[in-house]
N, C-alpha and C. Protein backbone atom coordinates (compact mmCIF):
# COMPACT_ATOMS: atom_id res chain seq x y z
N MET A 1 0.75 -1.23 -0.17
CA MET A 1 -0.09 -0.39 0.02
C MET A 1 0.99 1.27 -0.05
N ILE A 2 1.69 1.24 0.44
CA ILE A 2 2.84 2.47 0.87
C ILE A 2 3.41 2.66 -0.51
N PHE A 3 3.92 1.69 -0.77
CA PHE A 3 4.82 1.61 -2.05
C PHE A 3 3.63 2.17 -3.34
N ASN A 4 2.58 1.92 -3.19
CA ASN A 4 1.40 2.71 -4.25
C ASN A 4 1.17 3.74 -3.91
N LEU A 5 1.15 4.42 -2.72
CA LEU A 5 0.80 5.63 -2.45
C LEU A 5 1.68 6.37 -2.78
N VAL A 6 2.86 6.20 -2.70
CA VAL A 6 4.58 7.13 -2.80
C VAL A 6 4.44 6.98 -4.25
N ALA A 7 4.74 5.72 -4.98
CA ALA A 7 4.24 5.78 -6.31
C ALA A 7 3.59 6.90 -7.20
N ILE A 8 2.16 6.98 -6.70
CA ILE A 8 1.41 8.10 -6.98
C ILE A 8 1.95 8.65 -6.72
N ALA A 9 1.99 9.10 -5.49
CA ALA A 9 2.86 10.87 -5.34
C ALA A 9 3.78 11.31 -5.98
N ALA A 10 4.60 9.96 -6.05
CA ALA A 10 5.91 10.79 -7.15
C ALA A 10 5.50 10.71 -8.45
N VAL A 11 4.63 10.38 -9.29
CA VAL A 11 4.29 10.76 -10.71
C VAL A 11 3.45 12.10 -10.79
N VAL A 12 2.17 12.15 -9.76
CA VAL A 12 2.16 13.12 -9.80
C VAL A 12 2.98 14.51 -9.68
N ALA A 13 4.00 14.45 -9.12
CA ALA A 13 4.59 15.40 -8.84
C ALA A 13 5.31 15.47 -9.67
N LEU A 14 6.05 14.54 -10.55
CA LEU A 14 6.59 15.08 -12.14
C LEU A 14 5.79 16.12 -13.17
N THR A 15 4.85 15.82 -12.56
CA THR A 15 3.75 16.80 -13.51
C THR A 15 4.30 18.17 -13.01
N PHE A 16 4.93 18.18 -12.31
CA PHE A 16 4.51 20.07 -11.89
C PHE A 16 6.05 20.20 -12.44
N VAL A 17 6.97 19.27 -12.86
CA VAL A 17 8.06 19.70 -12.98
C VAL A 17 8.59 20.29 -14.75
N LYS A 18 9.06 21.46 -14.45
CA LYS A 18 8.76 22.29 -15.77
C LYS A 18 10.09 22.59 -15.72
N VAL A 19 11.10 21.75 -16.98
CA VAL A 19 12.48 22.41 -17.45
C VAL A 19 11.99 23.12 -18.79
N PHE A 20 11.24 22.23 -19.97
CA PHE A 20 11.33 22.64 -21.05
C PHE A 20 9.81 22.28 -21.39
N PRO A 21 9.15 23.01 -22.66
CA PRO A 21 8.30 22.26 -22.90
C PRO A 21 7.53 20.61 -23.35
N PHE A 22 6.41 21.23 -22.28
CA PHE A 22 5.99 19.37 -21.99
C PHE A 22 7.16 18.70 -21.22
N SER A 23 7.71 19.47 -20.71
CA SER A 23 8.69 18.33 -19.76
C SER A 23 7.63 17.97 -19.01
N SER A 24 6.73 18.26 -18.10
CA SER A 24 6.22 17.91 -17.24
C SER A 24 5.68 16.57 -17.69
N GLN A 25 4.67 16.25 -18.96
CA GLN A 25 4.25 14.98 -19.10
C GLN A 25 5.06 14.04 -19.86
N LEU A 26 6.55 14.39 -20.21
CA LEU A 26 7.12 13.54 -20.51
C LEU A 26 8.08 12.93 -18.85
N PHE A 27 8.29 13.85 -18.44
CA PHE A 27 8.96 13.32 -16.65
C PHE A 27 7.57 11.85 -16.61
N ALA A 28 6.65 12.78 -16.22
CA ALA A 28 5.48 11.97 -15.59
C ALA A 28 5.73 10.64 -16.00
N ALA A 29 5.62 10.63 -17.36
CA ALA A 29 5.24 9.36 -18.28
C ALA A 29 5.92 8.31 -18.35
N LEU A 30 7.57 9.07 -17.70
CA LEU A 30 8.60 7.81 -17.66
C LEU A 30 8.67 7.61 -16.60
N GLY A 31 8.27 8.51 -15.06
CA GLY A 31 8.18 8.08 -14.13
C GLY A 31 7.06 6.92 -13.79
N ALA A 32 6.14 7.13 -14.51
CA ALA A 32 4.72 5.88 -14.76
C ALA A 32 5.58 4.58 -15.30
N MET A 33 5.98 5.01 -16.50
CA MET A 33 6.41 3.55 -17.65
C MET A 33 7.95 2.72 -16.29
N ALA A 34 8.73 3.78 -15.58
CA ALA A 34 9.40 2.98 -14.97
C ALA A 34 9.11 2.23 -13.76
N ILE A 35 8.11 3.03 -13.16
CA ILE A 35 7.70 2.05 -11.92
C ILE A 35 6.55 0.69 -12.75
N GLY A 36 6.25 0.77 -13.83
CA GLY A 36 5.25 -0.14 -14.43
C GLY A 36 6.01 -1.36 -14.96
N ILE A 37 7.71 -1.01 -15.13
CA ILE A 37 8.44 -1.81 -15.21
C ILE A 37 8.65 -2.40 -14.02
N TYR A 38 8.98 -1.65 -12.96
CA TYR A 38 9.22 -2.09 -11.67
C TYR A 38 8.54 -3.19 -10.84
N ARG A 39 6.78 -3.28 -11.60
CA ARG A 39 6.59 -4.18 -10.73
C ARG A 39 6.23 -5.63 -11.69
N SER A 40 6.84 -5.17 -12.86
CA SER A 40 7.12 -6.76 -13.53
C SER A 40 5.74 -7.49 -13.31
N ASP A 41 4.46 -7.22 -13.82
CA ASP A 41 2.93 -7.93 -13.98
C ASP A 41 2.52 -7.96 -14.82
N GLY A 42 3.62 -7.46 -16.02
CA GLY A 42 3.10 -7.00 -17.48
C GLY A 42 2.13 -6.22 -17.85
N ARG A 43 1.92 -4.89 -16.46
CA ARG A 43 0.91 -3.95 -17.00
C ARG A 43 1.58 -2.98 -18.54
N VAL A 44 2.92 -2.67 -17.97
CA VAL A 44 3.38 -2.33 -19.50
C VAL A 44 2.85 -2.64 -20.62
N GLN A 45 3.43 -4.17 -20.76
CA GLN A 45 2.85 -4.62 -21.75
C GLN A 45 1.31 -4.37 -22.35
N ARG A 46 0.65 -4.78 -21.28
CA ARG A 46 -0.97 -4.40 -21.96
C ARG A 46 -1.18 -3.73 -22.53
N TRP A 47 -0.55 -2.49 -21.46
CA TRP A 47 -0.69 -0.56 -22.01
C TRP A 47 -0.42 -0.80 -23.37
N PHE A 48 0.50 -1.16 -23.94
CA PHE A 48 0.75 -1.06 -24.89
C PHE A 48 0.60 -2.67 -26.32
N ARG A 49 -0.37 -3.48 -25.58
CA ARG A 49 -0.16 -4.08 -26.73
C ARG A 49 -1.55 -4.07 -27.73
N ILE A 50 -0.78 -4.21 -28.91
CA ILE A 50 -1.24 -4.27 -29.93
C ILE A 50 -2.56 -4.92 -29.91
N ASP A 51 -3.70 -4.04 -30.48
CA ASP A 51 -5.28 -4.38 -31.20
C ASP A 51 -5.50 -5.21 -31.91
N HIS A 52 -5.54 -6.33 -32.40
CA HIS A 52 -5.71 -6.61 -33.59
C HIS A 52 -7.14 -6.26 -34.71
N ASP A 53 -8.00 -6.15 -33.40
CA ASP A 53 -9.30 -5.30 -34.18
C ASP A 53 -8.91 -3.66 -34.04
N TRP A 54 -8.14 -3.89 -35.34
CA TRP A 54 -8.33 -2.50 -35.44
C TRP A 54 -9.54 -1.22 -35.57
N ARG A 55 -10.48 -1.94 -36.14
CA ARG A 55 -11.40 -1.07 -36.60
C ARG A 55 -12.22 -0.89 -35.16
N SER A 56 -12.45 -1.76 -34.18
CA SER A 56 -12.78 -1.49 -33.12
C SER A 56 -12.16 -0.60 -31.86
N MET A 57 -11.00 -0.57 -32.13
CA MET A 57 -10.21 0.11 -31.26
C MET A 57 -10.27 1.62 -31.65
N ILE A 58 -10.58 1.99 -33.04
CA ILE A 58 -10.67 3.10 -33.85
C ILE A 58 -12.18 3.92 -33.25
N ALA A 59 -13.03 3.04 -33.63
CA ALA A 59 -14.61 3.20 -33.45
C ALA A 59 -14.95 3.73 -31.61
N TRP A 60 -14.45 2.40 -30.69
CA TRP A 60 -13.88 3.31 -28.94
C TRP A 60 -13.56 4.63 -29.37
N GLY A 61 -12.47 5.44 -30.09
CA GLY A 61 -11.67 6.22 -29.92
C GLY A 61 -12.43 7.23 -30.62
N VAL A 62 -13.00 7.27 -31.58
CA VAL A 62 -14.11 8.04 -32.22
C VAL A 62 -15.16 8.45 -31.27
N VAL A 63 -15.96 7.59 -31.18
CA VAL A 63 -16.85 7.75 -29.96
C VAL A 63 -16.52 8.53 -28.95
N GLY A 64 -15.61 7.91 -28.41
CA GLY A 64 -15.08 8.27 -27.17
C GLY A 64 -14.59 9.81 -27.31
N GLY A 65 -14.17 10.13 -28.56
CA GLY A 65 -13.62 11.82 -28.37
C GLY A 65 -14.81 12.49 -28.23
N LEU A 66 -15.49 12.09 -29.34
CA LEU A 66 -16.71 12.69 -29.55
C LEU A 66 -17.58 13.10 -28.09
N ALA A 67 -17.75 12.42 -27.44
CA ALA A 67 -18.36 12.06 -26.41
C ALA A 67 -17.99 13.11 -25.55
N VAL A 68 -16.76 13.22 -25.17
CA VAL A 68 -16.25 14.75 -24.50
C VAL A 68 -16.29 15.84 -24.77
N ILE A 69 -16.44 15.91 -26.17
CA ILE A 69 -16.71 17.08 -26.68
C ILE A 69 -18.27 17.43 -26.28
N ALA A 70 -18.87 16.59 -26.64
CA ALA A 70 -20.48 16.56 -26.30
C ALA A 70 -20.77 16.97 -24.56
N ALA A 71 -19.63 16.21 -23.99
CA ALA A 71 -20.29 16.69 -22.32
C ALA A 71 -19.61 18.00 -22.39
N ASP A 72 -18.75 18.61 -22.61
CA ASP A 72 -17.80 19.47 -22.84
C ASP A 72 -19.03 21.00 -23.27
N ALA A 73 -19.64 20.36 -24.38
CA ALA A 73 -20.27 21.71 -24.47
C ALA A 73 -21.52 21.88 -23.81
N ALA A 74 -22.19 20.69 -23.37
CA ALA A 74 -23.23 20.69 -22.43
C ALA A 74 -23.10 21.20 -20.97
N LEU A 75 -21.67 21.48 -20.77
CA LEU A 75 -20.87 21.89 -19.60
C LEU A 75 -20.78 23.07 -19.89
N TYR A 76 -20.60 23.62 -20.73
CA TYR A 76 -20.39 25.00 -21.04
C TYR A 76 -21.44 26.15 -21.16
N SER A 77 -22.52 24.89 -21.54
CA SER A 77 -24.14 25.83 -21.89
C SER A 77 -24.55 26.12 -20.23
N ILE A 78 -24.02 25.34 -19.43
CA ILE A 78 -24.88 25.11 -17.83
C ILE A 78 -23.39 26.16 -17.00
N TYR A 79 -22.41 25.97 -17.47
CA TYR A 79 -21.71 27.17 -16.66
C TYR A 79 -21.86 28.26 -16.38
N PRO A 80 -22.63 29.37 -17.37
CA PRO A 80 -23.16 30.42 -16.92
C PRO A 80 -24.42 30.54 -16.07
N LEU A 81 -25.23 29.69 -16.17
CA LEU A 81 -26.44 29.43 -15.05
C LEU A 81 -25.82 29.30 -14.18
N LEU A 82 -24.96 29.04 -13.66
CA LEU A 82 -24.13 28.15 -12.59
C LEU A 82 -23.02 29.50 -11.79
N GLY A 83 -23.26 30.71 -12.64
CA GLY A 83 -22.00 31.71 -12.47
C GLY A 83 -20.53 31.28 -11.96
N ILE A 84 -20.45 30.54 -13.32
CA ILE A 84 -18.93 29.77 -13.04
C ILE A 84 -18.41 30.52 -14.61
N ALA A 85 -17.14 31.13 -14.26
CA ALA A 85 -16.31 31.89 -15.66
C ALA A 85 -16.30 30.78 -16.36
N PRO A 86 -15.94 31.24 -18.19
CA PRO A 86 -15.40 30.00 -18.86
C PRO A 86 -14.20 29.45 -18.54
N ALA A 87 -13.70 28.33 -18.86
CA ALA A 87 -12.06 28.10 -18.69
C ALA A 87 -11.39 28.82 -19.02
N LYS A 88 -10.10 29.40 -18.45
CA LYS A 88 -9.02 30.17 -18.82
C LYS A 88 -8.69 29.67 -20.25
N LEU A 89 -8.25 29.61 -21.19
CA LEU A 89 -7.32 29.07 -22.51
C LEU A 89 -6.43 29.71 -23.22
N ASP A 90 -6.32 30.71 -22.26
CA ASP A 90 -4.90 31.75 -22.74
C ASP A 90 -3.63 31.19 -23.47
N ARG A 91 -3.61 29.56 -22.72
CA ARG A 91 -2.44 28.92 -23.28
C ARG A 91 -2.71 28.46 -24.86
N PHE A 92 -4.04 28.89 -25.86
CA PHE A 92 -3.96 28.68 -26.88
C PHE A 92 -4.61 29.71 -27.45
N ALA A 93 -4.40 30.88 -26.90
CA ALA A 93 -4.93 31.92 -27.71
C ALA A 93 -4.32 32.24 -29.28
N SER A 94 -3.01 31.77 -29.06
CA SER A 94 -2.34 31.80 -30.29
C SER A 94 -2.84 31.25 -31.56
N VAL A 95 -3.77 30.18 -31.18
CA VAL A 95 -4.05 29.33 -32.71
C VAL A 95 -5.65 30.11 -33.20
N ARG A 96 -5.87 30.92 -32.44
CA ARG A 96 -6.84 31.47 -33.26
C ARG A 96 -6.94 32.22 -34.16
N GLY A 97 -7.49 31.83 -35.74
CA GLY A 97 -7.21 32.49 -37.46
C GLY A 97 -5.46 32.06 -37.69
N ASN A 98 -4.47 31.19 -36.67
CA ASN A 98 -3.23 31.02 -37.26
C ASN A 98 -3.36 29.29 -37.41
N LEU A 99 -3.16 29.38 -38.89
CA LEU A 99 -3.37 28.12 -39.56
C LEU A 99 -2.00 27.10 -38.71
N PHE A 100 -0.95 28.22 -38.94
CA PHE A 100 0.47 27.24 -38.49
C PHE A 100 0.94 26.35 -37.06
N GLU A 101 -0.17 27.72 -36.51
CA GLU A 101 0.29 27.47 -34.93
C GLU A 101 -0.74 26.37 -34.61
N LEU A 102 -2.11 26.10 -35.16
CA LEU A 102 -2.70 25.57 -35.12
C LEU A 102 -2.04 23.62 -35.70
N LEU A 103 -1.90 24.12 -36.78
CA LEU A 103 -1.28 22.64 -37.14
C LEU A 103 -0.24 22.34 -36.16
N GLU A 104 0.89 23.58 -35.92
CA GLU A 104 1.53 22.72 -34.77
C GLU A 104 1.28 21.93 -33.30
N TRP A 105 0.03 22.33 -33.00
CA TRP A 105 -0.40 22.13 -32.11
C TRP A 105 -0.99 20.65 -32.22
N LEU A 106 -1.86 20.88 -33.27
CA LEU A 106 -2.07 19.53 -33.46
C LEU A 106 -0.94 17.87 -33.57
N ALA A 107 -0.21 18.53 -34.46
CA ALA A 107 0.97 17.56 -34.43
C ALA A 107 1.22 17.05 -32.68
N LEU A 108 1.92 18.46 -31.80
CA LEU A 108 2.28 18.01 -30.53
C LEU A 108 1.11 17.42 -29.60
N ILE A 109 -0.17 17.24 -30.11
CA ILE A 109 -1.21 16.53 -29.20
C ILE A 109 -1.46 15.01 -30.32
N TRP A 110 -1.23 14.57 -31.31
CA TRP A 110 -1.14 13.34 -31.68
C TRP A 110 -0.03 12.46 -31.51
N THR A 111 1.35 13.17 -31.25
CA THR A 111 2.56 12.64 -30.92
C THR A 111 2.79 12.51 -29.34
N ILE A 112 3.01 13.52 -28.76
CA ILE A 112 2.79 13.75 -27.13
C ILE A 112 2.06 13.60 -26.53
N VAL A 113 1.42 14.48 -26.50
CA VAL A 113 0.19 14.95 -25.39
C VAL A 113 -0.88 14.09 -25.10
N ALA A 114 -1.96 13.51 -25.91
CA ALA A 114 -2.82 12.43 -25.72
C ALA A 114 -2.02 11.38 -25.15
N LEU A 115 -1.10 10.93 -25.99
CA LEU A 115 0.05 9.32 -25.27
C LEU A 115 0.22 9.60 -23.87
N THR A 116 0.79 10.37 -23.33
CA THR A 116 1.65 11.10 -21.91
C THR A 116 0.20 11.14 -21.00
N GLU A 117 -0.76 11.83 -21.91
CA GLU A 117 -1.66 12.11 -20.78
C GLU A 117 -2.10 10.82 -20.32
N GLU A 118 -2.60 10.10 -21.50
CA GLU A 118 -3.67 8.61 -21.11
C GLU A 118 -2.34 8.10 -20.22
N LEU A 119 -1.19 7.64 -20.47
CA LEU A 119 -0.21 6.89 -19.96
C LEU A 119 -0.33 7.04 -18.59
N ILE A 120 -0.20 8.50 -18.41
CA ILE A 120 -0.18 8.64 -16.79
C ILE A 120 -1.59 8.81 -15.97
N SER A 121 -2.64 9.49 -16.55
CA SER A 121 -3.72 9.58 -16.09
C SER A 121 -4.73 8.40 -15.87
N ARG A 122 -4.95 7.89 -16.75
CA ARG A 122 -5.74 6.83 -16.94
C ARG A 122 -4.92 5.24 -16.84
N ALA A 123 -3.75 5.08 -17.75
CA ALA A 123 -3.05 3.43 -17.19
C ALA A 123 -2.39 3.81 -15.98
N PHE A 124 -1.85 4.51 -15.73
CA PHE A 124 -0.81 4.31 -14.31
C PHE A 124 -1.95 4.47 -13.04
N LEU A 125 -2.39 5.77 -13.32
CA LEU A 125 -3.18 6.09 -11.71
C LEU A 125 -4.34 5.24 -11.70
N ILE A 126 -5.04 4.63 -12.65
CA ILE A 126 -5.92 3.38 -12.91
C ILE A 126 -6.24 2.36 -11.92
N ASP A 127 -4.39 2.00 -12.91
CA ASP A 127 -4.15 0.44 -12.21
C ASP A 127 -3.42 0.99 -10.81
N GLN A 128 -2.88 1.88 -10.61
CA GLN A 128 -2.25 2.26 -9.23
C GLN A 128 -3.52 2.35 -8.01
N TRP A 129 -4.27 2.83 -8.59
CA TRP A 129 -5.68 3.34 -7.63
C TRP A 129 -6.22 1.45 -7.41
N THR A 130 -6.60 0.88 -8.47
CA THR A 130 -6.82 -0.21 -8.58
C THR A 130 -6.22 -1.21 -7.60
N ASP A 131 -4.64 -1.31 -7.40
CA ASP A 131 -4.33 -1.88 -6.54
C ASP A 131 -4.15 -1.78 -5.12
N LEU A 132 -4.55 -0.38 -4.40
CA LEU A 132 -4.50 0.11 -3.53
C LEU A 132 -6.37 -0.05 -2.90
N LEU A 133 -7.02 -0.71 -3.79
CA LEU A 133 -8.30 -0.76 -3.23
C LEU A 133 -8.70 -2.16 -3.29
N PRO A 134 -9.81 -2.55 -2.47
CA PRO A 134 -10.41 -3.79 -2.12
C PRO A 134 -11.12 -4.63 -3.68
N ALA A 135 -10.80 -5.18 -4.33
CA ALA A 135 -11.00 -6.10 -5.43
C ALA A 135 -12.32 -5.93 -4.92
N GLY A 136 -12.70 -5.66 -7.36
CA GLY A 136 -14.03 -5.65 -7.21
C GLY A 136 -14.76 -4.53 -8.45
N ARG A 137 -16.00 -4.48 -8.74
CA ARG A 137 -16.34 -3.57 -9.44
C ARG A 137 -16.15 -2.08 -9.01
N VAL A 138 -16.40 -2.07 -7.82
CA VAL A 138 -16.65 -1.06 -6.85
C VAL A 138 -14.95 0.14 -7.17
N ALA A 139 -13.88 -0.90 -6.45
CA ALA A 139 -12.59 -0.23 -7.11
C ALA A 139 -12.36 0.15 -8.06
N SER A 140 -13.02 -0.47 -9.07
CA SER A 140 -12.57 0.05 -10.30
C SER A 140 -13.43 1.88 -10.72
N ALA A 141 -14.37 1.54 -10.17
CA ALA A 141 -15.21 2.65 -10.38
C ALA A 141 -14.66 3.77 -9.55
N LEU A 142 -14.25 3.64 -8.46
CA LEU A 142 -13.24 4.95 -7.31
C LEU A 142 -12.13 4.79 -8.01
N ALA A 143 -11.44 3.76 -8.53
CA ALA A 143 -9.98 4.36 -9.31
C ALA A 143 -10.25 5.33 -10.45
N VAL A 144 -11.13 4.89 -11.13
CA VAL A 144 -11.25 6.15 -12.41
C VAL A 144 -12.23 7.44 -11.71
N VAL A 145 -12.78 7.73 -10.82
CA VAL A 145 -13.23 8.50 -10.11
C VAL A 145 -11.74 9.48 -9.45
N PHE A 146 -11.01 8.71 -8.78
CA PHE A 146 -9.61 9.48 -8.16
C PHE A 146 -8.48 9.76 -9.41
N SER A 147 -8.72 8.93 -10.32
CA SER A 147 -7.70 9.46 -11.68
C SER A 147 -8.40 10.49 -12.19
N SER A 148 -9.71 10.79 -12.35
CA SER A 148 -10.06 12.01 -12.64
C SER A 148 -9.86 13.21 -11.78
N MET A 149 -10.34 12.81 -10.74
CA MET A 149 -9.75 14.07 -9.97
C MET A 149 -8.30 14.80 -10.08
N THR A 150 -7.52 13.81 -10.07
CA THR A 150 -6.40 14.04 -10.50
C THR A 150 -6.11 14.38 -11.84
N PHE A 151 -6.43 14.02 -12.77
CA PHE A 151 -6.89 14.95 -14.13
C PHE A 151 -7.19 16.16 -14.45
N SER A 152 -8.29 16.12 -13.38
CA SER A 152 -8.80 17.74 -12.92
C SER A 152 -8.34 18.10 -12.36
N ALA A 153 -7.19 17.97 -11.35
CA ALA A 153 -6.24 18.86 -10.50
C ALA A 153 -4.77 19.43 -11.42
N LEU A 154 -4.50 18.66 -12.26
CA LEU A 154 -3.58 18.90 -13.41
C LEU A 154 -3.83 20.07 -14.19
N HIS A 155 -5.40 20.58 -14.39
CA HIS A 155 -5.88 21.77 -15.16
C HIS A 155 -6.59 22.81 -14.47
N VAL A 156 -6.42 22.52 -13.32
CA VAL A 156 -6.38 23.93 -12.15
C VAL A 156 -6.01 24.91 -13.36
N TYR A 157 -5.21 24.92 -13.56
CA TYR A 157 -5.11 26.24 -13.97
C TYR A 157 -5.92 27.36 -14.88
N GLN A 158 -6.50 26.09 -15.85
CA GLN A 158 -8.10 26.45 -16.45
C GLN A 158 -9.23 26.99 -15.64
N GLY A 159 -9.10 27.26 -14.47
CA GLY A 159 -10.35 27.34 -13.59
C GLY A 159 -11.29 26.90 -13.29
N MET A 160 -12.45 26.81 -12.32
CA MET A 160 -13.49 25.97 -12.08
C MET A 160 -13.67 25.40 -13.49
N ALA A 161 -14.02 25.82 -14.55
CA ALA A 161 -14.65 25.71 -15.69
C ALA A 161 -13.86 24.40 -16.16
N GLY A 162 -13.02 24.71 -15.92
CA GLY A 162 -11.82 23.82 -16.53
C GLY A 162 -11.34 22.59 -15.92
N ALA A 163 -11.71 22.88 -14.52
CA ALA A 163 -11.54 21.37 -13.54
C ALA A 163 -12.59 20.63 -13.95
N ILE A 164 -13.54 21.11 -13.82
CA ILE A 164 -15.41 20.54 -14.08
C ILE A 164 -14.69 19.34 -14.98
N SER A 165 -14.51 20.75 -16.04
CA SER A 165 -14.55 19.71 -17.57
C SER A 165 -13.65 18.50 -17.86
N ASN A 166 -12.44 18.63 -16.96
CA ASN A 166 -11.35 17.75 -17.59
C ASN A 166 -11.67 17.02 -16.56
N PHE A 167 -12.48 16.84 -15.22
CA PHE A 167 -12.67 15.84 -14.38
C PHE A 167 -13.68 14.63 -15.09
N VAL A 168 -14.87 15.50 -15.47
CA VAL A 168 -15.81 14.55 -16.86
C VAL A 168 -15.02 13.91 -17.56
N ALA A 169 -14.08 14.34 -18.48
CA ALA A 169 -13.34 14.03 -20.15
C ALA A 169 -12.73 12.83 -19.08
N GLY A 170 -12.14 13.07 -17.69
CA GLY A 170 -11.52 12.04 -17.41
C GLY A 170 -12.02 10.47 -16.76
N VAL A 171 -13.61 10.85 -16.52
CA VAL A 171 -14.64 9.63 -16.15
C VAL A 171 -14.92 9.39 -17.59
N ILE A 172 -14.92 9.93 -18.46
CA ILE A 172 -15.53 9.51 -20.01
C ILE A 172 -14.03 8.14 -20.30
N LEU A 173 -12.87 8.91 -20.23
CA LEU A 173 -11.74 8.63 -20.74
C LEU A 173 -11.35 6.93 -20.41
N GLY A 174 -11.87 7.29 -18.61
CA GLY A 174 -11.52 6.25 -17.65
C GLY A 174 -12.29 4.87 -18.39
N VAL A 175 -13.72 5.44 -18.25
CA VAL A 175 -14.48 4.16 -19.03
C VAL A 175 -13.92 3.50 -19.71
N ILE A 176 -13.52 3.64 -21.27
CA ILE A 176 -13.22 3.21 -22.24
C ILE A 176 -11.95 2.73 -21.83
N TYR A 177 -11.37 3.11 -20.90
CA TYR A 177 -9.75 2.76 -20.79
C TYR A 177 -10.51 0.99 -20.11
N LEU A 178 -11.26 1.25 -19.23
CA LEU A 178 -11.81 -0.50 -18.70
C LEU A 178 -12.26 -0.67 -19.61
N GLN A 179 -13.27 -0.56 -20.37
CA GLN A 179 -13.90 -1.16 -21.79
C GLN A 179 -12.97 -1.94 -22.25
N ARG A 180 -11.80 -1.10 -22.98
CA ARG A 180 -10.76 -2.02 -24.23
C ARG A 180 -9.62 -2.94 -23.15
N GLY A 181 -10.09 -2.97 -21.88
CA GLY A 181 -9.60 -4.35 -21.50
C GLY A 181 -8.05 -3.39 -20.83
N ARG A 182 -8.12 -2.43 -20.18
CA ARG A 182 -7.11 -1.39 -19.82
C ARG A 182 -5.82 -1.32 -20.74
N THR A 183 -6.19 -1.49 -22.04
CA THR A 183 -5.42 -0.88 -23.15
C THR A 183 -5.28 0.74 -23.58
N LEU A 184 -4.56 1.27 -23.86
CA LEU A 184 -4.35 2.75 -24.38
C LEU A 184 -4.83 3.13 -25.65
N GLY A 185 -4.84 2.08 -26.98
CA GLY A 185 -5.32 2.57 -28.22
C GLY A 185 -5.89 3.76 -28.33
N SER A 186 -7.24 3.03 -27.75
CA SER A 186 -8.55 3.76 -28.03
C SER A 186 -8.53 5.36 -27.32
N ASN A 187 -7.92 5.22 -26.02
CA ASN A 187 -8.09 5.83 -25.74
C ASN A 187 -7.16 7.31 -25.82
N VAL A 188 -5.84 7.18 -26.71
CA VAL A 188 -4.94 8.12 -27.19
C VAL A 188 -5.95 8.90 -27.86
N ILE A 189 -6.41 7.59 -28.86
CA ILE A 189 -7.31 8.39 -30.61
C ILE A 189 -8.27 9.28 -29.54
N ALA A 190 -9.22 8.55 -28.59
CA ALA A 190 -9.82 9.87 -28.06
C ALA A 190 -9.60 10.76 -27.52
N HIS A 191 -8.54 10.78 -27.17
CA HIS A 191 -7.93 12.22 -26.04
C HIS A 191 -7.71 12.90 -27.52
N ALA A 192 -6.59 12.23 -28.37
CA ALA A 192 -6.64 13.18 -29.48
C ALA A 192 -7.79 13.94 -30.25
N ILE A 193 -8.40 13.14 -30.14
CA ILE A 193 -10.10 13.56 -31.04
C ILE A 193 -10.35 14.70 -30.49
N ALA A 194 -10.53 14.45 -29.31
CA ALA A 194 -11.36 15.76 -28.40
C ALA A 194 -10.45 16.74 -28.57
N ASP A 195 -8.99 17.23 -27.97
CA ASP A 195 -8.29 18.24 -28.03
C ASP A 195 -8.22 18.57 -29.52
N SER A 196 -8.17 17.41 -30.27
CA SER A 196 -8.19 18.01 -31.58
C SER A 196 -9.21 19.11 -32.43
N LEU A 197 -10.46 18.93 -32.03
CA LEU A 197 -11.25 19.75 -31.95
C LEU A 197 -11.78 20.78 -31.46
N GLY A 198 -11.42 20.45 -30.07
CA GLY A 198 -11.37 21.92 -29.02
C GLY A 198 -10.64 22.87 -29.67
N LEU A 199 -9.32 22.80 -30.15
CA LEU A 199 -8.01 23.38 -31.12
C LEU A 199 -9.01 24.15 -32.10
N VAL A 200 -9.37 23.69 -32.83
CA VAL A 200 -10.11 23.70 -33.93
C VAL A 200 -11.56 24.76 -34.07
N ALA A 201 -11.82 24.39 -32.68
CA ALA A 201 -13.11 25.26 -32.46
C ALA A 201 -12.56 26.91 -31.99
N ILE A 202 -11.05 26.51 -31.57
CA ILE A 202 -10.38 27.99 -31.26
C ILE A 202 -10.16 28.63 -32.13
N PHE A 203 -9.50 28.01 -33.41
CA PHE A 203 -8.99 28.43 -34.68
C PHE A 203 -10.30 29.12 -35.33
N LEU A 204 -11.14 28.32 -35.41
CA LEU A 204 -12.47 29.20 -36.19
C LEU A 204 -12.99 30.31 -35.15
N GLY A 205 -12.80 30.53 -33.48
CA GLY A 205 -13.44 31.53 -32.88
C GLY A 205 -14.47 31.07 -32.70
N LEU A 206 -14.33 29.99 -32.52
CA LEU A 206 -16.05 29.23 -31.59
C LEU A 206 -15.92 29.05 -30.46
N ALA A 207 -14.88 28.96 -30.15
CA ALA A 207 -14.32 28.92 -28.62
C ALA A 207 -13.23 29.86 -28.19
N ALA A 208 -13.44 30.52 -27.03
CA ALA A 208 -12.74 31.52 -26.17
C ALA A 208 -11.25 30.91 -26.19
């Protein structure tokens, strides 16, 4: 139990180490990989297992990505009614109307961001929390909730709206992770699609 708690704390701490662009994701992902390899129980191989039913993998990814976007749109229609300010997306302000900036971000999302964030927030954290909790479906559900809370906390710089939206996204992606046998293929696709559509919305001026 102590090892699992320390492992979670260590990887989460690495997400705050900012040395160069995306260093926090890369360091935390490497930490998650190292701990996974140390466990020697085959979880790392499972995370990256090649899904021979690639149509199903892609379908789950597409549906998951659209589900995240749909949930986000619904939440953003509710936030004003609750007096919650829109998410702070200043980090992506340069994307608005700038095709080169959009393409650069899309390349980063599909090569670094989606993979590292899913590795950390879904594969590593859900598995670690599952190890900590009593076996059963309740443990899996709680593991998804706890990992989503962490994912939300890592996006708190976006404000209350961003934290809530990322928590909901984390739950959706967590469910996909469990349904897909705790493999990452569909999750990476879903995450990348959701982020890509969000950036396109900013580029077109449809989102702040």
